[in-house]
Amino acid sequence: MLRTRTSVTLRVLLRRNYDTPVLGRKFHVRKKFAKRIQDTIKRIQIGKAEGADETAAEMLKIQAKLQAEVVCELWKAVGRIFSVPKQWHEIQLFPIFKDGSQKDTKNYRPIFHPSHVRKVVERAVDREIRSVVTFQRF
C-alpha cells in the first residue's frame, strides 16, 4: 500500500464519499492490473472536459505510474466495500446546438462528461476481463 500523503487523502475521501461503511472484505486484484491502469492512463486524450469529480485528464497523465497506483488502491477499496464513489454516478450533460431553430430541442445533441477516473477504471477492467475470458463466435 502507498505510504504517501495521496493515499491518506484517498482513504479519507473514500470514507466520506461512500454510502456504506468499510467492511474490510478481501478483494484480490492481480499485479498486472496496476500496469493495465497505467497503460490506460497513457492512452487518455488530453484536452477533454472534466467530469463530476473535477479530475482533469492532464492531471492523471502527468505521473501515470503514481496515479495508476492510486487508482488501483481506489479500485481495491471499491471491491472491499462493494460500492463505487457517488461522483461516478454523476455525469455532466451539455446540449450542443447543431443547426436549425434554437427553440427546437431536436436541434441539440447531448455531450456527456463522465469522470476520467471512472473511464480509466472501466477500460482497465474491460481489458482485464477480455484477457481472461475467451469469447466464442457461433
Protein backbone atom coordinates (compact mmCIF):
# COMPACT_ATOMS: atom_id res chain seq x y z
CA MET A 1 0.00 0.00 0.00
CA LEU A 2 1.19 3.50 -0.70
CA ARG A 3 2.56 5.47 2.21
CA THR A 4 2.20 8.90 0.68
CA ARG A 5 0.01 11.85 1.50
CA THR A 6 -2.07 10.95 -1.55
CA SER A 7 -3.03 7.57 -0.07
CA VAL A 8 -4.02 9.15 3.24
CA THR A 9 -6.15 11.69 1.40
CA LEU A 10 -7.59 8.87 -0.69
CA ARG A 11 -8.63 6.93 2.40
CA VAL A 12 -10.31 9.99 3.88
CA LEU A 13 -12.12 10.69 0.61
CA LEU A 14 -13.23 7.09 0.31
CA ARG A 15 -14.84 7.10 3.71
CA ARG A 16 -16.60 10.41 3.04
CA ASN A 17 -17.90 9.56 -0.43
CA TYR A 18 -19.46 6.17 0.22
CA ASP A 19 -22.90 5.37 1.50
CA THR A 20 -21.85 2.10 3.11
CA PRO A 21 -19.21 1.66 5.81
CA VAL A 22 -15.87 -0.02 5.14
CA LEU A 23 -16.47 -3.74 5.64
CA GLY A 24 -12.88 -4.99 5.32
CA ARG A 25 -13.58 -7.68 2.73
CA LYS A 26 -10.70 -9.30 0.90
CA PHE A 27 -10.65 -8.20 -2.71
CA HIS A 28 -7.99 -9.70 -4.94
CA VAL A 29 -6.52 -7.54 -7.70
CA ARG A 30 -3.91 -9.08 -9.97
CA LYS A 31 -0.46 -7.47 -10.01
CA LYS A 32 -0.82 -6.79 -13.74
CA PHE A 33 -3.88 -4.63 -13.07
CA ALA A 34 -1.82 -1.61 -11.94
CA LYS A 35 0.19 -1.84 -15.17
CA ARG A 36 -3.06 -2.12 -17.14
CA ILE A 37 -4.37 1.02 -15.42
CA GLN A 38 -1.10 2.80 -16.20
CA ASP A 39 -1.39 1.85 -19.89
CA THR A 40 -4.99 3.05 -19.92
CA ILE A 41 -3.99 6.39 -18.36
CA LYS A 42 -1.32 6.86 -21.02
CA ARG A 43 -3.98 6.44 -23.73
CA ILE A 44 -6.31 9.12 -22.35
CA GLN A 45 -6.81 12.06 -24.67
CA ILE A 46 -5.85 15.35 -23.08
CA GLY A 47 -7.88 18.49 -23.53
CA LYS A 48 -11.20 16.86 -22.67
CA ALA A 49 -13.60 18.43 -20.19
CA GLU A 50 -13.59 17.34 -16.57
CA GLY A 51 -16.30 15.12 -15.17
CA ALA A 52 -18.26 15.43 -11.94
CA ASP A 53 -15.18 14.69 -9.81
CA GLU A 54 -13.30 17.60 -11.45
CA THR A 55 -10.29 15.42 -12.30
CA ALA A 56 -8.57 16.57 -15.49
CA ALA A 57 -7.04 14.05 -17.86
CA GLU A 58 -3.79 16.04 -17.80
CA MET A 59 -3.60 15.55 -14.03
CA LEU A 60 -3.71 11.78 -14.47
CA LYS A 61 -1.15 11.73 -17.28
CA ILE A 62 1.50 13.84 -15.53
CA GLN A 63 2.65 10.99 -13.31
CA ALA A 64 0.95 7.99 -14.85
CA LYS A 65 2.75 5.40 -12.70
CA LEU A 66 1.92 7.09 -9.38
CA GLN A 67 -1.64 7.84 -10.46
CA ALA A 68 -2.06 4.22 -11.58
CA GLU A 69 -1.10 3.02 -8.09
CA VAL A 70 -3.58 5.43 -6.51
CA VAL A 71 -6.38 4.38 -8.90
CA CYS A 72 -5.55 0.72 -8.22
CA GLU A 73 -5.84 1.34 -4.47
CA LEU A 74 -9.15 3.07 -5.13
CA TRP A 75 -10.37 0.04 -7.08
CA LYS A 76 -9.31 -2.26 -4.24
CA ALA A 77 -11.29 -0.09 -1.81
CA VAL A 78 -14.30 -0.24 -4.14
CA GLY A 79 -14.07 -4.02 -4.07
CA ARG A 80 -13.75 -4.17 -0.29
CA ILE A 81 -16.79 -2.04 0.47
CA PHE A 82 -18.71 -3.13 -2.63
CA SER A 83 -19.76 0.39 -3.58
CA VAL A 84 -18.46 2.99 -6.05
CA PRO A 85 -17.94 6.70 -5.34
CA LYS A 86 -21.02 8.89 -5.71
CA GLN A 87 -19.28 11.04 -8.33
CA TRP A 88 -19.07 8.03 -10.65
CA HIS A 89 -22.87 8.01 -10.84
CA GLU A 90 -22.95 11.65 -11.86
CA ILE A 91 -22.46 12.66 -15.48
CA GLN A 92 -22.38 16.20 -16.68
CA LEU A 93 -24.65 16.68 -19.69
CA PHE A 94 -24.30 19.60 -22.07
CA PRO A 95 -26.65 20.23 -25.02
CA ILE A 96 -24.72 21.23 -28.14
CA PHE A 97 -26.62 23.12 -30.83
CA LYS A 98 -26.47 21.51 -34.31
CA ASP A 99 -28.47 23.63 -36.76
CA GLY A 100 -31.95 24.98 -37.41
CA SER A 101 -34.10 26.75 -34.87
CA GLN A 102 -32.57 27.11 -31.42
CA LYS A 103 -36.04 26.83 -29.88
CA ASP A 104 -36.50 23.26 -31.16
CA THR A 105 -34.99 20.72 -28.75
CA LYS A 106 -34.43 18.23 -31.58
CA ASN A 107 -31.68 20.50 -32.92
CA TYR A 108 -29.41 19.77 -29.99
CA ARG A 109 -27.19 16.77 -29.36
CA PRO A 110 -26.13 15.70 -25.88
CA ILE A 111 -22.48 15.65 -24.80
CA PHE A 112 -21.72 13.58 -21.70
CA HIS A 113 -18.75 14.17 -19.40
CA PRO A 114 -18.21 11.24 -17.01
CA SER A 115 -15.34 11.13 -14.54
CA HIS A 116 -11.90 10.46 -16.08
CA VAL A 117 -11.01 8.13 -13.21
CA ARG A 118 -14.23 6.20 -13.82
CA LYS A 119 -13.38 5.87 -17.52
CA VAL A 120 -9.86 4.65 -16.72
CA VAL A 121 -11.15 2.01 -14.31
CA GLU A 122 -13.90 0.89 -16.71
CA ARG A 123 -11.46 0.49 -19.60
CA ALA A 124 -8.88 -1.30 -17.45
CA VAL A 125 -11.48 -3.70 -16.04
CA ASP A 126 -12.81 -4.33 -19.55
CA ARG A 127 -9.32 -5.12 -20.84
CA GLU A 128 -8.68 -7.33 -17.80
CA ILE A 129 -11.87 -9.32 -18.37
CA ARG A 130 -11.15 -9.69 -22.07
CA SER A 131 -7.65 -11.01 -21.30
CA VAL A 132 -9.07 -13.73 -19.04
CA VAL A 133 -12.32 -14.69 -20.77
CA THR A 134 -12.32 -16.21 -24.22
CA PHE A 135 -15.22 -15.35 -26.44
CA GLN A 136 -16.60 -17.91 -28.86
CA ARG A 137 -18.42 -16.96 -32.00
CA PHE A 138 -21.32 -19.15 -33.02
